[in-house]
């Protein structure tokens, strides 16, 4: 789980994620998370390569790059599952 002003990113198996109004769902495209209603131009592989220098330098952790609206999130993936109570607190 990652969050910032006005957004919350939760990763998980699609079958386990809740459906909710006003939520933007993301899907993987060449290692880049994009809204499922959008395409990346230039290609996702080029955008990911351009942003790769901002990835955490830790070979033990996978990284995530997400394009959400006009924002770009570059972060290491969380090491532990999200706490449901923490999710509720951030979502309020």
C-alpha atoms as a PDB file:
ATOM      1  CA  UNK A   1       0.000   0.000   0.000  1.00  0.00           C
ATOM      2  CA  UNK A   2       1.253   3.484  -0.876  1.00  0.00           C
ATOM      3  CA  UNK A   3      -0.584   6.743  -0.368  1.00  0.00           C
ATOM      4  CA  UNK A   4      -0.284  10.445  -0.958  1.00  0.00           C
ATOM      5  CA  UNK A   5      -2.553  13.494  -0.944  1.00  0.00           C
ATOM      6  CA  UNK A   6      -5.748  12.447  -2.681  1.00  0.00           C
ATOM      7  CA  UNK A   7      -4.704   8.913  -3.626  1.00  0.00           C
ATOM      8  CA  UNK A   8      -4.143   5.424  -2.265  1.00  0.00           C
ATOM      9  CA  UNK A   9      -2.472   2.587  -4.209  1.00  0.00           C
ATOM     10  CA  UNK A  10      -3.368  -0.961  -3.192  1.00  0.00           C
ATOM     11  CA  UNK A  11      -1.869  -3.924  -5.041  1.00  0.00           C
ATOM     12  CA  UNK A  12      -3.341  -7.395  -4.986  1.00  0.00           C
ATOM     13  CA  UNK A  13      -4.857 -10.263  -6.879  1.00  0.00           C
ATOM     14  CA  UNK A  14      -7.664  -8.820  -9.042  1.00  0.00           C
ATOM     15  CA  UNK A  15     -10.192 -11.286  -7.613  1.00  0.00           C
ATOM     16  CA  UNK A  16      -9.441 -10.067  -4.079  1.00  0.00           C
ATOM     17  CA  UNK A  17      -9.635  -6.316  -4.713  1.00  0.00           C
ATOM     18  CA  UNK A  18     -12.933  -4.641  -3.844  1.00  0.00           C
ATOM     19  CA  UNK A  19     -15.009  -2.886  -6.457  1.00  0.00           C
ATOM     20  CA  UNK A  20     -15.781   0.711  -5.506  1.00  0.00           C
ATOM     21  CA  UNK A  21     -17.156   3.841  -7.150  1.00  0.00           C
ATOM     22  CA  UNK A  22     -14.693   6.642  -7.962  1.00  0.00           C
ATOM     23  CA  UNK A  23     -11.737   4.213  -8.004  1.00  0.00           C
ATOM     24  CA  UNK A  24      -9.189   4.077 -10.796  1.00  0.00           C
ATOM     25  CA  UNK A  25      -8.109   0.503 -11.459  1.00  0.00           C
ATOM     26  CA  UNK A  26      -4.615  -0.051 -12.806  1.00  0.00           C
ATOM     27  CA  UNK A  27      -3.204  -2.845 -14.921  1.00  0.00           C
ATOM     28  CA  UNK A  28       0.336  -3.913 -15.811  1.00  0.00           C
ATOM     29  CA  UNK A  29       1.728  -2.901 -19.221  1.00  0.00           C
ATOM     30  CA  UNK A  30       5.416  -3.789 -19.754  1.00  0.00           C
ATOM     31  CA  UNK A  31       6.184  -3.382 -16.042  1.00  0.00           C
ATOM     32  CA  UNK A  32       4.294  -0.088 -15.752  1.00  0.00           C
ATOM     33  CA  UNK A  33       0.974   0.332 -13.923  1.00  0.00           C
ATOM     34  CA  UNK A  34      -1.548   2.333 -15.949  1.00  0.00           C
ATOM     35  CA  UNK A  35      -5.260   3.036 -15.570  1.00  0.00           C
ATOM     36  CA  UNK A  36      -7.129   0.224 -17.317  1.00  0.00           C
ATOM     37  CA  UNK A  37      -8.965   2.831 -19.407  1.00  0.00           C
ATOM     38  CA  UNK A  38      -5.743   4.382 -20.796  1.00  0.00           C
ATOM     39  CA  UNK A  39      -2.891   3.523 -23.137  1.00  0.00           C
ATOM     40  CA  UNK A  40       0.667   4.763 -22.818  1.00  0.00           C
ATOM     41  CA  UNK A  41       2.187   6.794 -25.638  1.00  0.00           C
ATOM     42  CA  UNK A  42       5.066   6.455 -26.218  1.00  0.00           C
ATOM     43  CA  UNK A  43       5.059   2.767 -25.296  1.00  0.00           C
ATOM     44  CA  UNK A  44       5.099   1.647 -21.666  1.00  0.00           C
ATOM     45  CA  UNK A  45       8.514   0.041 -22.164  1.00  0.00           C
ATOM     46  CA  UNK A  46      10.017   3.404 -23.174  1.00  0.00           C
ATOM     47  CA  UNK A  47       8.395   5.254 -20.271  1.00  0.00           C
ATOM     48  CA  UNK A  48       9.572   2.607 -17.800  1.00  0.00           C
ATOM     49  CA  UNK A  49      13.123   2.793 -19.193  1.00  0.00           C
ATOM     50  CA  UNK A  50      13.098   6.591 -18.840  1.00  0.00           C
ATOM     51  CA  UNK A  51      11.964   6.361 -15.202  1.00  0.00           C
ATOM     52  CA  UNK A  52      14.198   3.408 -14.269  1.00  0.00           C
ATOM     53  CA  UNK A  53      16.911   5.664 -12.824  1.00  0.00           C
ATOM     54  CA  UNK A  54      14.436   6.674 -10.098  1.00  0.00           C
ATOM     55  CA  UNK A  55      13.852   3.090  -8.948  1.00  0.00           C
ATOM     56  CA  UNK A  56      15.108   2.080  -5.491  1.00  0.00           C
ATOM     57  CA  UNK A  57      18.545   0.447  -5.745  1.00  0.00           C
ATOM     58  CA  UNK A  58      17.677  -2.728  -3.831  1.00  0.00           C
ATOM     59  CA  UNK A  59      17.948  -6.028  -5.735  1.00  0.00           C
ATOM     60  CA  UNK A  60      15.952  -7.821  -2.991  1.00  0.00           C
ATOM     61  CA  UNK A  61      12.788  -5.769  -3.608  1.00  0.00           C
ATOM     62  CA  UNK A  62      10.700  -5.410  -6.731  1.00  0.00           C
ATOM     63  CA  UNK A  63       9.834  -1.902  -7.730  1.00  0.00           C
ATOM     64  CA  UNK A  64       6.655  -0.366  -9.058  1.00  0.00           C
ATOM     65  CA  UNK A  65       6.123   2.549 -11.421  1.00  0.00           C
ATOM     66  CA  UNK A  66       2.535   3.770 -11.665  1.00  0.00           C
ATOM     67  CA  UNK A  67       1.084   6.561 -13.781  1.00  0.00           C
ATOM     68  CA  UNK A  68      -1.979   7.925 -12.004  1.00  0.00           C
ATOM     69  CA  UNK A  69      -3.551  10.973 -13.617  1.00  0.00           C
ATOM     70  CA  UNK A  70      -0.738  13.511 -13.848  1.00  0.00           C
ATOM     71  CA  UNK A  71       1.281  11.829 -11.093  1.00  0.00           C
ATOM     72  CA  UNK A  72       4.077   9.272 -11.316  1.00  0.00           C
ATOM     73  CA  UNK A  73       4.736   6.911  -8.403  1.00  0.00           C
ATOM     74  CA  UNK A  74       8.153   5.212  -8.286  1.00  0.00           C
ATOM     75  CA  UNK A  75       8.600   3.021  -5.229  1.00  0.00           C
ATOM     76  CA  UNK A  76       9.719  -0.323  -3.894  1.00  0.00           C
ATOM     77  CA  UNK A  77       6.826  -2.739  -3.456  1.00  0.00           C
ATOM     78  CA  UNK A  78       5.659  -3.089   0.152  1.00  0.00           C
ATOM     79  CA  UNK A  79       7.204  -5.929   2.143  1.00  0.00           C
ATOM     80  CA  UNK A  80       4.046  -6.851   4.037  1.00  0.00           C
ATOM     81  CA  UNK A  81       0.327  -7.112   3.359  1.00  0.00           C
ATOM     82  CA  UNK A  82      -1.805  -4.047   3.944  1.00  0.00           C
ATOM     83  CA  UNK A  83      -3.632  -3.793   7.256  1.00  0.00           C
ATOM     84  CA  UNK A  84      -7.403  -3.367   6.628  1.00  0.00           C
ATOM     85  CA  UNK A  85      -7.710  -0.867   9.507  1.00  0.00           C
ATOM     86  CA  UNK A  86      -4.846   1.177   8.075  1.00  0.00           C
ATOM     87  CA  UNK A  87      -6.523   1.161   4.657  1.00  0.00           C
ATOM     88  CA  UNK A  88      -9.764   2.474   6.179  1.00  0.00           C
ATOM     89  CA  UNK A  89      -7.905   5.224   8.029  1.00  0.00           C
ATOM     90  CA  UNK A  90      -6.103   6.412   4.871  1.00  0.00           C
ATOM     91  CA  UNK A  91      -9.250   6.206   2.730  1.00  0.00           C
ATOM     92  CA  UNK A  92     -11.228   8.548   5.003  1.00  0.00           C
END
